[in-house]
Amino acid sequence: METANTKKKILQAIGELPDKIEIEDAMEKLYFLYKIEKGIKQADSGEKIDHQTVKERFQKWRE
């Protein structure tokens, strides 16, 4: 991601936060947005798991 674009996204996310917010909450929001963007990039590059495989893995985890 371009640095200027990243800065714009960070500033936009901060601007959308309520006036009364703790630093931890702001950091959590930024990290959440980072994880979403990372996941989208992974999916776009083919690094994804189909729905059926996820269901099977989840079922094994529950056992």
PDB file of N, CA and C in Angstrom:
ATOM      1  N   MET A   1       0.850  -1.177   0.000  1.00  0.00           N
ATOM      2  CA  MET A   1       0.000   0.000   0.000  1.00  0.00           C
ATOM      3  C   MET A   1       0.894   1.240   0.000  1.00  0.00           C
ATOM      4  N   GLU A   2       0.467   2.238  -0.702  1.00  0.00           N
ATOM      5  CA  GLU A   2       1.221   3.480  -0.762  1.00  0.00           C
ATOM      6  C   GLU A   2       1.155   4.190   0.581  1.00  0.00           C
ATOM      7  N   THR A   3       2.257   4.834   0.958  1.00  0.00           N
ATOM      8  CA  THR A   3       2.318   5.513   2.249  1.00  0.00           C
ATOM      9  C   THR A   3       1.308   6.642   2.352  1.00  0.00           C
ATOM     10  N   ALA A   4       1.168   7.437   1.307  1.00  0.00           N
ATOM     11  CA  ALA A   4       0.214   8.551   1.332  1.00  0.00           C
ATOM     12  C   ALA A   4      -1.214   8.038   1.464  1.00  0.00           C
ATOM     13  N   ASN A   5      -1.511   6.971   0.769  1.00  0.00           N
ATOM     14  CA  ASN A   5      -2.841   6.377   0.834  1.00  0.00           C
ATOM     15  C   ASN A   5      -3.102   5.819   2.231  1.00  0.00           C
ATOM     16  N   THR A   6      -2.094   5.207   2.825  1.00  0.00           N
ATOM     17  CA  THR A   6      -2.217   4.671   4.178  1.00  0.00           C
ATOM     18  C   THR A   6      -2.506   5.797   5.160  1.00  0.00           C
ATOM     19  N   LYS A   7      -1.797   6.872   5.037  1.00  0.00           N
ATOM     20  CA  LYS A   7      -1.996   8.009   5.936  1.00  0.00           C
ATOM     21  C   LYS A   7      -3.419   8.552   5.799  1.00  0.00           C
ATOM     22  N   LYS A   8      -3.905   8.646   4.579  1.00  0.00           N
ATOM     23  CA  LYS A   8      -5.273   9.130   4.356  1.00  0.00           C
ATOM     24  C   LYS A   8      -6.290   8.216   5.027  1.00  0.00           C
ATOM     25  N   LYS A   9      -6.089   6.906   4.893  1.00  0.00           N
ATOM     26  CA  LYS A   9      -7.010   5.949   5.502  1.00  0.00           C
ATOM     27  C   LYS A   9      -6.974   6.043   7.027  1.00  0.00           C
ATOM     28  N   ILE A  10      -5.790   6.206   7.586  1.00  0.00           N
ATOM     29  CA  ILE A  10      -5.661   6.341   9.040  1.00  0.00           C
ATOM     30  C   ILE A  10      -6.359   7.607   9.521  1.00  0.00           C
ATOM     31  N   LEU A  11      -6.111   8.713   8.850  1.00  0.00           N
ATOM     32  CA  LEU A  11      -6.736   9.973   9.244  1.00  0.00           C
ATOM     33  C   LEU A  11      -8.260   9.909   9.099  1.00  0.00           C
ATOM     34  N   GLN A  12      -8.742   9.249   8.064  1.00  0.00           N
ATOM     35  CA  GLN A  12     -10.188   9.105   7.886  1.00  0.00           C
ATOM     36  C   GLN A  12     -10.776   8.272   9.021  1.00  0.00           C
ATOM     37  N   ALA A  13     -10.115   7.168   9.360  1.00  0.00           N
ATOM     38  CA  ALA A  13     -10.607   6.302  10.442  1.00  0.00           C
ATOM     39  C   ALA A  13     -10.619   7.048  11.766  1.00  0.00           C
ATOM     40  N   ILE A  14      -9.604   7.823  12.024  1.00  0.00           N
ATOM     41  CA  ILE A  14      -9.537   8.603  13.266  1.00  0.00           C
ATOM     42  C   ILE A  14     -10.627   9.672  13.273  1.00  0.00           C
ATOM     43  N   GLY A  15     -10.847  10.288  12.127  1.00  0.00           N
ATOM     44  CA  GLY A  15     -11.879  11.310  12.035  1.00  0.00           C
ATOM     45  C   GLY A  15     -13.281  10.776  12.269  1.00  0.00           C
ATOM     46  N   GLU A  16     -13.489   9.497  12.017  1.00  0.00           N
ATOM     47  CA  GLU A  16     -14.799   8.885  12.210  1.00  0.00           C
ATOM     48  C   GLU A  16     -15.037   8.415  13.646  1.00  0.00           C
ATOM     49  N   LEU A  17     -14.009   8.455  14.473  1.00  0.00           N
ATOM     50  CA  LEU A  17     -14.158   8.027  15.865  1.00  0.00           C
ATOM     51  C   LEU A  17     -14.936   9.070  16.667  1.00  0.00           C
ATOM     52  N   PRO A  18     -15.618   8.622  17.713  1.00  0.00           N
ATOM     53  CA  PRO A  18     -16.329   9.579  18.561  1.00  0.00           C
ATOM     54  C   PRO A  18     -15.338  10.483  19.297  1.00  0.00           C
ATOM     55  N   ASP A  19     -15.821  11.627  19.782  1.00  0.00           N
ATOM     56  CA  ASP A  19     -14.952  12.571  20.467  1.00  0.00           C
ATOM     57  C   ASP A  19     -14.363  11.992  21.758  1.00  0.00           C
ATOM     58  N   LYS A  20     -15.173  11.242  22.471  1.00  0.00           N
ATOM     59  CA  LYS A  20     -14.691  10.644  23.718  1.00  0.00           C
ATOM     60  C   LYS A  20     -14.305   9.195  23.448  1.00  0.00           C
ATOM     61  N   ILE A  21     -13.008   8.965  23.344  1.00  0.00           N
ATOM     62  CA  ILE A  21     -12.518   7.616  23.050  1.00  0.00           C
ATOM     63  C   ILE A  21     -11.165   7.428  23.721  1.00  0.00           C
ATOM     64  N   GLU A  22     -10.903   6.240  24.152  1.00  0.00           N
ATOM     65  CA  GLU A  22      -9.612   5.904  24.745  1.00  0.00           C
ATOM     66  C   GLU A  22      -8.617   5.559  23.631  1.00  0.00           C
ATOM     67  N   ILE A  23      -7.348   5.752  23.894  1.00  0.00           N
ATOM     68  CA  ILE A  23      -6.311   5.441  22.905  1.00  0.00           C
ATOM     69  C   ILE A  23      -6.385   3.966  22.517  1.00  0.00           C
ATOM     70  N   GLU A  24      -6.625   3.103  23.496  1.00  0.00           N
ATOM     71  CA  GLU A  24      -6.734   1.667  23.208  1.00  0.00           C
ATOM     72  C   GLU A  24      -7.815   1.380  22.178  1.00  0.00           C
ATOM     73  N   ASP A  25      -8.938   2.062  22.290  1.00  0.00           N
ATOM     74  CA  ASP A  25     -10.040   1.858  21.346  1.00  0.00           C
ATOM     75  C   ASP A  25      -9.652   2.311  19.943  1.00  0.00           C
ATOM     76  N   ALA A  26      -8.947   3.416  19.862  1.00  0.00           N
ATOM     77  CA  ALA A  26      -8.500   3.920  18.559  1.00  0.00           C
ATOM     78  C   ALA A  26      -7.507   2.944  17.931  1.00  0.00           C
ATOM     79  N   MET A  27      -6.580   2.443  18.732  1.00  0.00           N
ATOM     80  CA  MET A  27      -5.594   1.492  18.230  1.00  0.00           C
ATOM     81  C   MET A  27      -6.275   0.201  17.772  1.00  0.00           C
ATOM     82  N   GLU A  28      -7.264  -0.232  18.527  1.00  0.00           N
ATOM     83  CA  GLU A  28      -8.005  -1.442  18.171  1.00  0.00           C
ATOM     84  C   GLU A  28      -8.709  -1.264  16.829  1.00  0.00           C
ATOM     85  N   LYS A  29      -9.303  -0.112  16.632  1.00  0.00           N
ATOM     86  CA  LYS A  29      -9.994   0.177  15.363  1.00  0.00           C
ATOM     87  C   LYS A  29      -9.000   0.160  14.201  1.00  0.00           C
ATOM     88  N   LEU A  30      -7.857   0.797  14.371  1.00  0.00           N
ATOM     89  CA  LEU A  30      -6.850   0.826  13.309  1.00  0.00           C
ATOM     90  C   LEU A  30      -6.334  -0.581  13.010  1.00  0.00           C
ATOM     91  N   TYR A  31      -6.109  -1.375  14.051  1.00  0.00           N
ATOM     92  CA  TYR A  31      -5.630  -2.737  13.845  1.00  0.00           C
ATOM     93  C   TYR A  31      -6.682  -3.577  13.124  1.00  0.00           C
ATOM     94  N   PHE A  32      -7.933  -3.393  13.493  1.00  0.00           N
ATOM     95  CA  PHE A  32      -9.037  -4.098  12.840  1.00  0.00           C
ATOM     96  C   PHE A  32      -9.078  -3.765  11.346  1.00  0.00           C
ATOM     97  N   LEU A  33      -8.955  -2.493  11.011  1.00  0.00           N
ATOM     98  CA  LEU A  33      -8.960  -2.078   9.609  1.00  0.00           C
ATOM     99  C   LEU A  33      -7.758  -2.657   8.859  1.00  0.00           C
ATOM    100  N   TYR A  34      -6.609  -2.710   9.537  1.00  0.00           N
ATOM    101  CA  TYR A  34      -5.406  -3.304   8.946  1.00  0.00           C
ATOM    102  C   TYR A  34      -5.639  -4.779   8.615  1.00  0.00           C
ATOM    103  N   LYS A  35      -6.246  -5.508   9.550  1.00  0.00           N
ATOM    104  CA  LYS A  35      -6.493  -6.932   9.343  1.00  0.00           C
ATOM    105  C   LYS A  35      -7.474  -7.160   8.186  1.00  0.00           C
ATOM    106  N   ILE A  36      -8.473  -6.304   8.067  1.00  0.00           N
ATOM    107  CA  ILE A  36      -9.418  -6.423   6.951  1.00  0.00           C
ATOM    108  C   ILE A  36      -8.688  -6.208   5.628  1.00  0.00           C
ATOM    109  N   GLU A  37      -7.880  -5.160   5.575  1.00  0.00           N
ATOM    110  CA  GLU A  37      -7.154  -4.868   4.341  1.00  0.00           C
ATOM    111  C   GLU A  37      -6.186  -6.000   3.992  1.00  0.00           C
ATOM    112  N   LYS A  38      -5.521  -6.531   4.991  1.00  0.00           N
ATOM    113  CA  LYS A  38      -4.596  -7.644   4.767  1.00  0.00           C
ATOM    114  C   LYS A  38      -5.354  -8.857   4.220  1.00  0.00           C
ATOM    115  N   GLY A  39      -6.518  -9.152   4.788  1.00  0.00           N
ATOM    116  CA  GLY A  39      -7.326 -10.276   4.321  1.00  0.00           C
ATOM    117  C   GLY A  39      -7.795 -10.100   2.893  1.00  0.00           C
ATOM    118  N   ILE A  40      -8.179  -8.891   2.539  1.00  0.00           N
ATOM    119  CA  ILE A  40      -8.607  -8.619   1.163  1.00  0.00           C
ATOM    120  C   ILE A  40      -7.448  -8.836   0.194  1.00  0.00           C
ATOM    121  N   LYS A  41      -6.260  -8.362   0.573  1.00  0.00           N
ATOM    122  CA  LYS A  41      -5.080  -8.569  -0.282  1.00  0.00           C
ATOM    123  C   LYS A  41      -4.781 -10.053  -0.450  1.00  0.00           C
ATOM    124  N   GLN A  42      -4.886 -10.811   0.647  1.00  0.00           N
ATOM    125  CA  GLN A  42      -4.640 -12.247   0.565  1.00  0.00           C
ATOM    126  C   GLN A  42      -5.657 -12.919  -0.353  1.00  0.00           C
ATOM    127  N   ALA A  43      -6.904 -12.559  -0.219  1.00  0.00           N
ATOM    128  CA  ALA A  43      -7.941 -13.145  -1.068  1.00  0.00           C
ATOM    129  C   ALA A  43      -7.707 -12.795  -2.533  1.00  0.00           C
ATOM    130  N   ASP A  44      -7.342 -11.540  -2.782  1.00  0.00           N
ATOM    131  CA  ASP A  44      -7.089 -11.110  -4.160  1.00  0.00           C
ATOM    132  C   ASP A  44      -5.911 -11.850  -4.794  1.00  0.00           C
ATOM    133  N   SER A  45      -4.941 -12.249  -3.961  1.00  0.00           N
ATOM    134  CA  SER A  45      -3.767 -12.949  -4.494  1.00  0.00           C
ATOM    135  C   SER A  45      -3.957 -14.465  -4.496  1.00  0.00           C
ATOM    136  N   GLY A  46      -5.174 -14.922  -4.171  1.00  0.00           N
ATOM    137  CA  GLY A  46      -5.467 -16.342  -4.230  1.00  0.00           C
ATOM    138  C   GLY A  46      -5.237 -17.096  -2.931  1.00  0.00           C
ATOM    139  N   GLU A  47      -4.825 -16.394  -1.889  1.00  0.00           N
ATOM    140  CA  GLU A  47      -4.587 -17.034  -0.592  1.00  0.00           C
ATOM    141  C   GLU A  47      -5.895 -17.092   0.195  1.00  0.00           C
ATOM    142  N   LYS A  48      -6.750 -17.996  -0.201  1.00  0.00           N
ATOM    143  CA  LYS A  48      -8.022 -18.100   0.496  1.00  0.00           C
ATOM    144  C   LYS A  48      -8.417 -19.567   0.603  1.00  0.00           C
ATOM    145  N   ILE A  49      -9.357 -19.836   1.491  1.00  0.00           N
ATOM    146  CA  ILE A  49      -9.849 -21.185   1.714  1.00  0.00           C
ATOM    147  C   ILE A  49     -11.338 -21.185   1.388  1.00  0.00           C
ATOM    148  N   ASP A  50     -11.768 -22.217   0.657  1.00  0.00           N
ATOM    149  CA  ASP A  50     -13.188 -22.267   0.296  1.00  0.00           C
ATOM    150  C   ASP A  50     -14.044 -22.561   1.528  1.00  0.00           C
ATOM    151  N   HIS A  51     -15.310 -22.240   1.412  1.00  0.00           N
ATOM    152  CA  HIS A  51     -16.247 -22.325   2.532  1.00  0.00           C
ATOM    153  C   HIS A  51     -16.327 -23.741   3.115  1.00  0.00           C
ATOM    154  N   GLN A  52     -16.359 -24.745   2.266  1.00  0.00           N
ATOM    155  CA  GLN A  52     -16.478 -26.126   2.727  1.00  0.00           C
ATOM    156  C   GLN A  52     -15.266 -26.530   3.566  1.00  0.00           C
ATOM    157  N   THR A  53     -14.080 -26.137   3.158  1.00  0.00           N
ATOM    158  CA  THR A  53     -12.866 -26.450   3.916  1.00  0.00           C
ATOM    159  C   THR A  53     -12.903 -25.785   5.290  1.00  0.00           C
ATOM    160  N   VAL A  54     -13.362 -24.563   5.339  1.00  0.00           N
ATOM    161  CA  VAL A  54     -13.478 -23.863   6.625  1.00  0.00           C
ATOM    162  C   VAL A  54     -14.455 -24.609   7.534  1.00  0.00           C
ATOM    163  N   LYS A  55     -15.592 -25.030   6.987  1.00  0.00           N
ATOM    164  CA  LYS A  55     -16.574 -25.775   7.781  1.00  0.00           C
ATOM    165  C   LYS A  55     -15.970 -27.074   8.319  1.00  0.00           C
ATOM    166  N   GLU A  56     -15.214 -27.775   7.497  1.00  0.00           N
ATOM    167  CA  GLU A  56     -14.588 -29.026   7.924  1.00  0.00           C
ATOM    168  C   GLU A  56     -13.552 -28.779   9.018  1.00  0.00           C
ATOM    169  N   ARG A  57     -12.739 -27.764   8.849  1.00  0.00           N
ATOM    170  CA  ARG A  57     -11.728 -27.439   9.870  1.00  0.00           C
ATOM    171  C   ARG A  57     -12.385 -27.025  11.175  1.00  0.00           C
ATOM    172  N   PHE A  58     -13.434 -26.247  11.077  1.00  0.00           N
ATOM    173  CA  PHE A  58     -14.137 -25.799  12.272  1.00  0.00           C
ATOM    174  C   PHE A  58     -14.757 -26.985  13.003  1.00  0.00           C
ATOM    175  N   GLN A  59     -15.320 -27.918  12.246  1.00  0.00           N
ATOM    176  CA  GLN A  59     -15.925 -29.101  12.847  1.00  0.00           C
ATOM    177  C   GLN A  59     -14.863 -29.928  13.577  1.00  0.00           C
ATOM    178  N   LYS A  60     -13.694 -30.099  12.983  1.00  0.00           N
ATOM    179  CA  LYS A  60     -12.605 -30.836  13.631  1.00  0.00           C
ATOM    180  C   LYS A  60     -12.164 -30.123  14.910  1.00  0.00           C
ATOM    181  N   TRP A  61     -12.124 -28.814  14.869  1.00  0.00           N
ATOM    182  CA  TRP A  61     -11.718 -28.016  16.022  1.00  0.00           C
ATOM    183  C   TRP A  61     -12.707 -28.182  17.180  1.00  0.00           C
ATOM    184  N   ARG A  62     -13.979 -28.289  16.848  1.00  0.00           N
ATOM    185  CA  ARG A  62     -15.022 -28.407  17.866  1.00  0.00           C
ATOM    186  C   ARG A  62     -15.014 -29.774  18.539  1.00  0.00           C
ATOM    187  N   GLU A  63     -14.483 -30.799  17.868  1.00  0.00           N
ATOM    188  CA  GLU A  63     -14.503 -32.168  18.425  1.00  0.00           C
ATOM    189  C   GLU A  63     -13.533 -32.341  19.553  1.00  0.00           C
TER     190      GLU A  63
END
